[in-house]
């Protein structure tokens, strides 16, 4: 009997990989999934070498991000090796080591032309959100030419994994949106990984003080080593009073919210000085109170933003030159098969003292 020839596509579709899969609030599994393939000519498939877990992934696990549906592979950060490219990809080839941006950009739509890659008409934050993400052995990257970056030879790939998201997020949504300038007094509410990334990058602008506020003494101690001038434990609910005492009751020039809950946004409103900026970074799953009766005449600017990653090339140069050292944020290391354990560790940071976890393919 004559056998029908098997196409290359049919063979590829049968290849199975391991991935971290979301199955609704509080439910995740390390399970078999089909290896991704090229769908569009502008795609690349990347073999993951490094990935990590973001605070946003924890928000997803709580059910705070309804666009993430059952069966989605999570993750939007990573460094990897190009495994396959579509016919229209011109900047990358098989075997190239690449940094994966958390934001996918077509570079052609109106939003992208304004530098608002996060609002790309066909991209934006889609990895680990509306398409499968990076917490897997392989990931498909749409618009590869404008959503990947070459990794310089000999670069510290663990450190570069911090450039997928948290470093540009802290910088763009906190420091740039907050208009930090030399001599400013800056308060960062939340000393988690993104808050600490804002601390690292704020120092590029020589503020006079950077005050870190958090519930966790361990994270505040880390903040001191990274350049914080004052650290305040907010457990007693009096952090705003203490900030005002430090600033002769004037408040801070820039208040950066890096948690994503109503209480921390409230603290920012209580401590911002007249003419100051409140820059929101946190992912909010609940409504917050706007204290407009106190702020209406204070010339306050409030900004919200999703990271666009427009600063990634500059930050990449700064990390390679060791002007920024995001490796200091890494506290735990895992292999890819231990991703479930990595989630347990990262999700119980108060006990484990986890900041960023790095997950390697081997």
Protein backbone atom coordinates (compact mmCIF):
# COMPACT_ATOMS: atom_id res chain seq x y z
CA UNK A 1 0.00 0.00 0.00
CA UNK A 2 1.28 3.44 -0.91
CA UNK A 3 1.94 5.68 2.08
CA UNK A 4 0.91 9.31 1.98
CA UNK A 5 3.91 11.63 2.43
CA UNK A 6 3.98 13.47 5.74
CA UNK A 7 4.50 17.18 5.38
CA UNK A 8 7.04 19.13 7.38
CA UNK A 9 4.20 21.09 8.98
CA UNK A 10 2.46 17.92 10.13
CA UNK A 11 5.66 16.70 11.76
CA UNK A 12 6.24 20.05 13.45
CA UNK A 13 2.73 20.12 14.86
CA UNK A 14 3.40 16.86 16.68
CA UNK A 15 6.40 18.23 18.58
CA UNK A 16 5.56 18.61 22.26
CA UNK A 17 7.22 20.94 24.74
CA UNK A 18 6.77 21.74 28.42
CA UNK A 19 5.10 24.99 29.53
CA UNK A 20 3.59 26.76 32.55
CA UNK A 21 -0.13 26.95 31.81
CA UNK A 22 -2.82 29.08 33.47
CA UNK A 23 -6.13 27.36 34.22
CA UNK A 24 -8.04 30.10 36.01
CA UNK A 25 -7.48 32.02 39.26
CA UNK A 26 -5.16 30.09 41.56
CA UNK A 27 -4.71 27.24 39.07
CA UNK A 28 -1.52 26.58 37.10
CA UNK A 29 0.21 23.47 35.75
CA UNK A 30 3.54 22.43 34.22
CA UNK A 31 2.30 20.40 31.30
CA UNK A 32 2.78 19.33 27.70
CA UNK A 33 1.88 21.81 24.96
CA UNK A 34 2.45 21.79 21.23
CA UNK A 35 5.64 23.57 20.18
CA UNK A 36 4.78 26.85 18.42
CA UNK A 37 5.30 27.25 14.68
CA UNK A 38 5.59 30.17 12.29
CA UNK A 39 2.11 31.59 11.60
CA UNK A 40 3.01 34.85 9.86
CA UNK A 41 5.99 35.74 7.69
CA UNK A 42 7.13 38.26 10.34
CA UNK A 43 7.25 35.64 13.15
CA UNK A 44 10.19 34.00 14.85
CA UNK A 45 10.19 30.96 17.11
CA UNK A 46 12.66 31.31 19.98
CA UNK A 47 14.04 28.56 22.21
CA UNK A 48 14.01 29.91 25.76
CA UNK A 49 17.38 30.07 27.54
CA UNK A 50 16.33 32.36 30.41
CA UNK A 51 12.96 33.46 31.71
CA UNK A 52 11.56 34.87 34.93
CA UNK A 53 8.30 35.57 36.75
CA UNK A 54 6.76 39.03 36.95
CA UNK A 55 4.51 40.54 39.58
CA UNK A 56 1.95 40.84 36.78
CA UNK A 57 1.96 37.04 36.53
CA UNK A 58 0.90 36.94 40.18
CA UNK A 59 -1.90 39.41 39.39
CA UNK A 60 -2.97 37.06 36.59
CA UNK A 61 -3.00 34.15 39.02
CA UNK A 62 -5.32 36.17 41.28
CA UNK A 63 -7.72 36.71 38.39
CA UNK A 64 -6.94 40.44 38.06
CA UNK A 65 -6.31 40.25 34.29
CA UNK A 66 -9.47 38.93 32.61
CA UNK A 67 -7.90 38.93 29.12
CA UNK A 68 -5.84 35.90 30.19
CA UNK A 69 -7.93 32.81 29.58
CA UNK A 70 -7.79 29.15 30.56
CA UNK A 71 -5.01 27.32 28.74
CA UNK A 72 -2.72 30.30 28.22
CA UNK A 73 1.05 29.82 28.60
CA UNK A 74 2.21 32.59 30.92
CA UNK A 75 5.34 34.74 30.82
CA UNK A 76 6.48 37.82 28.90
CA UNK A 77 10.20 38.00 29.74
CA UNK A 78 13.18 36.09 28.49
CA UNK A 79 16.39 35.57 26.58
CA UNK A 80 16.68 32.83 24.00
CA UNK A 81 18.03 31.43 20.76
CA UNK A 82 16.24 31.90 17.46
CA UNK A 83 15.01 28.49 16.29
CA UNK A 84 13.11 29.49 13.16
CA UNK A 85 12.20 32.70 11.32
CA UNK A 86 9.48 33.64 8.88
CA UNK A 87 10.21 34.67 5.32
CA UNK A 88 9.82 38.41 6.07
CA UNK A 89 12.24 38.50 9.03
CA UNK A 90 15.44 40.27 7.96
CA UNK A 91 17.21 41.24 11.19
CA UNK A 92 17.49 37.82 12.83
CA UNK A 93 18.42 34.31 11.74
CA UNK A 94 18.44 30.83 13.23
CA UNK A 95 21.01 30.58 16.05
CA UNK A 96 20.99 34.27 17.04
CA UNK A 97 20.81 34.93 20.77
CA UNK A 98 18.07 37.44 21.49
CA UNK A 99 16.43 39.47 24.22
CA UNK A 100 12.63 39.18 24.10
CA UNK A 101 10.68 42.38 24.70
CA UNK A 102 7.57 42.09 26.85
CA UNK A 103 5.90 44.39 24.31
CA UNK A 104 5.26 43.34 20.73
CA UNK A 105 5.46 46.14 18.15
CA UNK A 106 4.45 46.16 14.48
CA UNK A 107 6.29 49.54 14.14
CA UNK A 108 3.74 50.64 11.49
CA UNK A 109 0.42 51.48 13.16
CA UNK A 110 -0.49 54.94 14.48
CA UNK A 111 0.32 54.05 18.09
CA UNK A 112 3.73 52.61 17.20
CA UNK A 113 4.58 55.70 15.15
CA UNK A 114 3.93 57.73 18.32
CA UNK A 115 6.28 55.47 20.29
CA UNK A 116 3.33 53.93 22.16
CA UNK A 117 4.27 50.33 21.38
CA UNK A 118 2.14 49.12 24.29
CA UNK A 119 -0.92 50.18 22.29
CA UNK A 120 0.18 48.63 19.01
CA UNK A 121 -2.93 47.82 16.96
CA UNK A 122 -1.88 44.19 16.50
CA UNK A 123 0.65 43.82 19.31
CA UNK A 124 1.28 45.52 22.63
CA UNK A 125 1.37 43.38 25.75
CA UNK A 126 0.18 40.14 24.20
CA UNK A 127 2.84 37.61 25.34
CA UNK A 128 1.48 35.58 28.23
CA UNK A 129 -1.72 37.60 27.95
CA UNK A 130 -3.66 37.08 24.71
CA UNK A 131 -1.08 34.78 23.08
CA UNK A 132 1.19 32.13 24.60
CA UNK A 133 4.22 33.44 26.48
CA UNK A 134 7.78 32.73 27.48
CA UNK A 135 7.47 30.36 30.45
CA UNK A 136 7.99 27.41 28.15
CA UNK A 137 10.67 25.68 26.14
CA UNK A 138 9.75 27.65 23.00
CA UNK A 139 7.77 30.81 22.23
CA UNK A 140 6.46 32.37 19.03
CA UNK A 141 7.34 36.07 18.69
CA UNK A 142 5.21 38.12 16.26
CA UNK A 143 6.91 41.04 14.48
CA UNK A 144 10.30 39.60 15.35
CA UNK A 145 12.33 42.36 13.66
CA UNK A 146 10.89 44.99 16.02
CA UNK A 147 10.19 42.87 19.12
CA UNK A 148 13.57 41.20 19.64
CA UNK A 149 17.05 42.58 20.37
CA UNK A 150 20.43 41.04 19.62
CA UNK A 151 22.32 39.88 22.71
CA UNK A 152 25.96 41.09 22.57
CA UNK A 153 28.56 38.35 22.68
CA UNK A 154 29.62 37.53 26.24
CA UNK A 155 26.76 39.46 27.86
CA UNK A 156 25.34 38.34 31.20
CA UNK A 157 22.08 36.80 30.01
CA UNK A 158 20.67 36.51 33.55
CA UNK A 159 20.99 40.29 33.89
CA UNK A 160 19.57 40.89 30.42
CA UNK A 161 16.42 38.97 31.31
CA UNK A 162 15.64 41.89 33.62
CA UNK A 163 15.52 44.09 30.50
CA UNK A 164 12.49 42.35 29.04
CA UNK A 165 10.15 44.15 31.41
CA UNK A 166 11.02 45.39 34.89
CA UNK A 167 13.89 47.74 34.03
CA UNK A 168 12.08 49.60 31.21
CA UNK A 169 8.85 49.48 33.24
CA UNK A 170 10.40 51.08 36.31
CA UNK A 171 12.19 53.61 34.13
CA UNK A 172 9.44 54.58 31.70
CA UNK A 173 6.34 54.31 33.89
CA UNK A 174 8.01 55.59 37.04
CA UNK A 175 11.06 57.73 36.37
CA UNK A 176 10.20 59.22 32.97
CA UNK A 177 6.47 59.62 33.60
CA UNK A 178 7.30 61.08 37.00
CA UNK A 179 9.67 63.58 35.33
CA UNK A 180 12.42 62.90 37.87
CA UNK A 181 15.12 65.58 37.64
CA UNK A 182 18.32 66.52 39.51
CA UNK A 183 17.69 67.60 43.08
CA UNK A 184 14.21 66.05 43.34
CA UNK A 185 12.93 64.22 46.38
CA UNK A 186 11.47 60.95 45.11
CA UNK A 187 9.39 58.43 47.06
CA UNK A 188 8.82 54.94 45.69
CA UNK A 189 5.94 53.09 47.34
CA UNK A 190 6.71 49.41 46.94
CA UNK A 191 10.18 47.89 47.13
CA UNK A 192 9.42 44.88 44.97
CA UNK A 193 11.35 44.19 41.77
CA UNK A 194 9.72 46.97 39.72
CA UNK A 195 10.03 49.48 42.55
CA UNK A 196 13.70 48.60 42.90
CA UNK A 197 14.12 48.93 39.12
CA UNK A 198 12.68 52.45 39.45
CA UNK A 199 15.19 53.08 42.25
CA UNK A 200 18.10 51.96 40.06
CA UNK A 201 17.08 54.02 37.06
CA UNK A 202 16.01 57.13 39.02
CA UNK A 203 19.63 57.57 40.01
CA UNK A 204 20.48 58.28 36.36
CA UNK A 205 18.89 61.70 37.03
CA UNK A 206 20.70 62.52 40.32
CA UNK A 207 17.72 63.09 42.66
CA UNK A 208 18.62 64.56 46.05
CA UNK A 209 16.76 61.81 47.93
CA UNK A 210 15.03 58.54 47.11
CA UNK A 211 12.73 57.32 49.87
CA UNK A 212 11.59 53.70 49.70
CA UNK A 213 8.37 52.61 51.42
CA UNK A 214 7.40 48.98 51.95
CA UNK A 215 6.07 46.48 54.50
CA UNK A 216 9.09 44.17 54.16
CA UNK A 217 12.27 44.99 56.07
CA UNK A 218 14.33 42.66 53.89
CA UNK A 219 13.33 44.51 50.73
CA UNK A 220 14.06 47.83 52.41
CA UNK A 221 17.54 46.59 53.34
CA UNK A 222 18.10 45.64 49.70
CA UNK A 223 16.90 49.10 48.69
CA UNK A 224 19.56 50.66 50.90
CA UNK A 225 22.27 48.70 49.14
CA UNK A 226 20.91 49.89 45.78
CA UNK A 227 21.01 53.57 46.66
CA UNK A 228 17.92 54.49 48.70
CA UNK A 229 18.63 57.40 51.02
CA UNK A 230 15.75 56.67 53.41
CA UNK A 231 13.66 53.54 54.01
CA UNK A 232 10.29 53.49 55.75
CA UNK A 233 8.42 50.41 56.92
CA UNK A 234 4.72 51.15 56.39
CA UNK A 235 3.33 48.40 58.63
CA UNK A 236 2.01 50.91 61.17
CA UNK A 237 0.05 52.85 58.54
CA UNK A 238 1.95 56.06 59.29
CA UNK A 239 4.35 56.13 56.35
CA UNK A 240 2.82 59.33 54.95
CA UNK A 241 3.37 61.13 58.27
CA UNK A 242 7.00 60.02 58.30
CA UNK A 243 7.58 61.18 54.73
CA UNK A 244 6.10 64.58 55.54
CA UNK A 245 8.33 64.80 58.61
CA UNK A 246 11.37 64.12 56.42
CA UNK A 247 10.36 66.87 53.97
CA UNK A 248 9.39 69.69 56.36
CA UNK A 249 5.75 68.86 55.62
CA UNK A 250 6.17 69.82 51.95
CA UNK A 251 5.98 66.31 50.52
CA UNK A 252 7.91 64.77 47.67
CA UNK A 253 8.42 65.98 44.12
CA UNK A 254 7.72 62.55 42.65
CA UNK A 255 5.66 59.75 44.21
CA UNK A 256 5.93 56.46 42.32
CA UNK A 257 3.29 53.79 43.00
CA UNK A 258 4.80 50.35 42.42
CA UNK A 259 2.39 47.92 44.11
CA UNK A 260 -1.07 48.16 42.56
CA UNK A 261 -3.47 48.34 45.52
CA UNK A 262 -5.71 51.17 46.76
CA UNK A 263 -3.73 51.75 49.98
CA UNK A 264 -0.43 52.43 48.24
CA UNK A 265 -2.00 54.77 45.69
CA UNK A 266 -3.54 56.57 48.66
CA UNK A 267 -0.10 57.01 50.24
CA UNK A 268 1.17 58.62 47.03
CA UNK A 269 -1.68 61.14 47.14
CA UNK A 270 -0.91 61.94 50.78
CA UNK A 271 2.80 62.61 50.26
CA UNK A 272 3.03 64.43 46.92
CA UNK A 273 4.11 68.07 47.10
CA UNK A 274 2.41 70.97 45.33
CA UNK A 275 3.44 70.85 41.69
CA UNK A 276 4.51 67.24 42.06
CA UNK A 277 3.97 64.09 40.06
CA UNK A 278 2.25 60.82 40.95
CA UNK A 279 3.47 58.14 38.55
CA UNK A 280 1.54 54.88 38.66
CA UNK A 281 3.32 51.64 37.77
CA UNK A 282 1.29 49.07 39.71
CA UNK A 283 -1.27 46.77 38.08
CA UNK A 284 -4.57 47.64 39.75
CA UNK A 285 -7.31 45.06 40.04
CA UNK A 286 -9.62 47.24 42.15
CA UNK A 287 -10.82 50.83 42.04
CA UNK A 288 -8.90 53.40 44.05
CA UNK A 289 -10.12 56.53 45.82
CA UNK A 290 -9.09 59.78 44.15
CA UNK A 291 -8.71 62.42 46.88
CA UNK A 292 -9.61 65.24 44.55
CA UNK A 293 -10.89 67.40 47.42
CA UNK A 294 -7.25 67.60 48.56
CA UNK A 295 -5.52 67.64 45.19
CA UNK A 296 -7.70 69.86 42.99
CA UNK A 297 -5.68 73.03 43.68
CA UNK A 298 -2.23 71.45 44.13
CA UNK A 299 -1.03 71.44 40.49
CA UNK A 300 -0.54 67.68 40.68
CA UNK A 301 0.16 65.56 37.60
CA UNK A 302 -1.05 61.95 37.76
CA UNK A 303 0.24 59.58 35.08
CA UNK A 304 -0.69 56.04 34.14
CA UNK A 305 1.24 54.02 31.60
CA UNK A 306 1.96 50.57 30.30
CA UNK A 307 5.61 50.13 29.44
CA UNK A 308 6.38 50.79 25.77
CA UNK A 309 10.00 49.49 25.88
CA UNK A 310 11.11 52.44 23.74
CA UNK A 311 14.07 52.85 26.12
CA UNK A 312 15.26 49.24 25.87
CA UNK A 313 18.15 50.00 23.45
CA UNK A 314 19.50 52.69 25.78
CA UNK A 315 19.06 50.52 28.88
CA UNK A 316 20.72 47.59 27.10
CA UNK A 317 23.80 49.75 26.46
CA UNK A 318 23.80 50.89 30.08
CA UNK A 319 23.64 47.32 31.38
CA UNK A 320 26.40 46.14 29.04
CA UNK A 321 28.54 49.08 30.23
CA UNK A 322 27.66 48.15 33.86
CA UNK A 323 26.20 51.59 34.51
CA UNK A 324 23.10 49.68 35.58
CA UNK A 325 23.35 46.33 37.35
CA UNK A 326 19.95 44.61 37.38
CA UNK A 327 21.61 41.29 38.26
CA UNK A 328 21.53 42.55 41.86
CA UNK A 329 17.76 42.02 41.80
CA UNK A 330 18.11 38.25 41.28
CA UNK A 331 17.76 36.30 44.53
CA UNK A 332 16.83 32.78 43.42
CA UNK A 333 17.79 30.45 40.55
CA UNK A 334 15.86 27.54 39.05
CA UNK A 335 15.86 25.30 36.01
CA UNK A 336 12.88 25.36 33.66
CA UNK A 337 11.46 22.05 34.93
CA UNK A 338 11.16 23.65 38.39
CA UNK A 339 8.90 26.52 37.26
CA UNK A 340 6.11 25.45 39.60
CA UNK A 341 8.52 25.63 42.52
CA UNK A 342 9.77 29.00 41.25
CA UNK A 343 6.17 30.31 41.38
CA UNK A 344 5.80 29.07 44.95
CA UNK A 345 9.02 30.82 45.94
CA UNK A 346 8.23 34.09 44.15
CA UNK A 347 4.64 34.12 45.38
CA UNK A 348 5.71 33.75 49.03
CA UNK A 349 8.33 36.50 48.92
CA UNK A 350 7.76 37.60 52.51
CA UNK A 351 9.01 34.22 53.70
CA UNK A 352 11.51 33.35 50.96
CA UNK A 353 12.92 36.90 50.55
CA UNK A 354 12.56 36.53 46.80
CA UNK A 355 12.95 39.50 44.48
CA UNK A 356 13.54 38.27 40.94
CA UNK A 357 13.91 34.59 40.18
CA UNK A 358 15.94 33.50 37.16
CA UNK A 359 14.87 30.32 35.39
CA UNK A 360 17.31 28.68 32.99
CA UNK A 361 16.66 26.06 30.36
CA UNK A 362 19.52 23.94 31.74
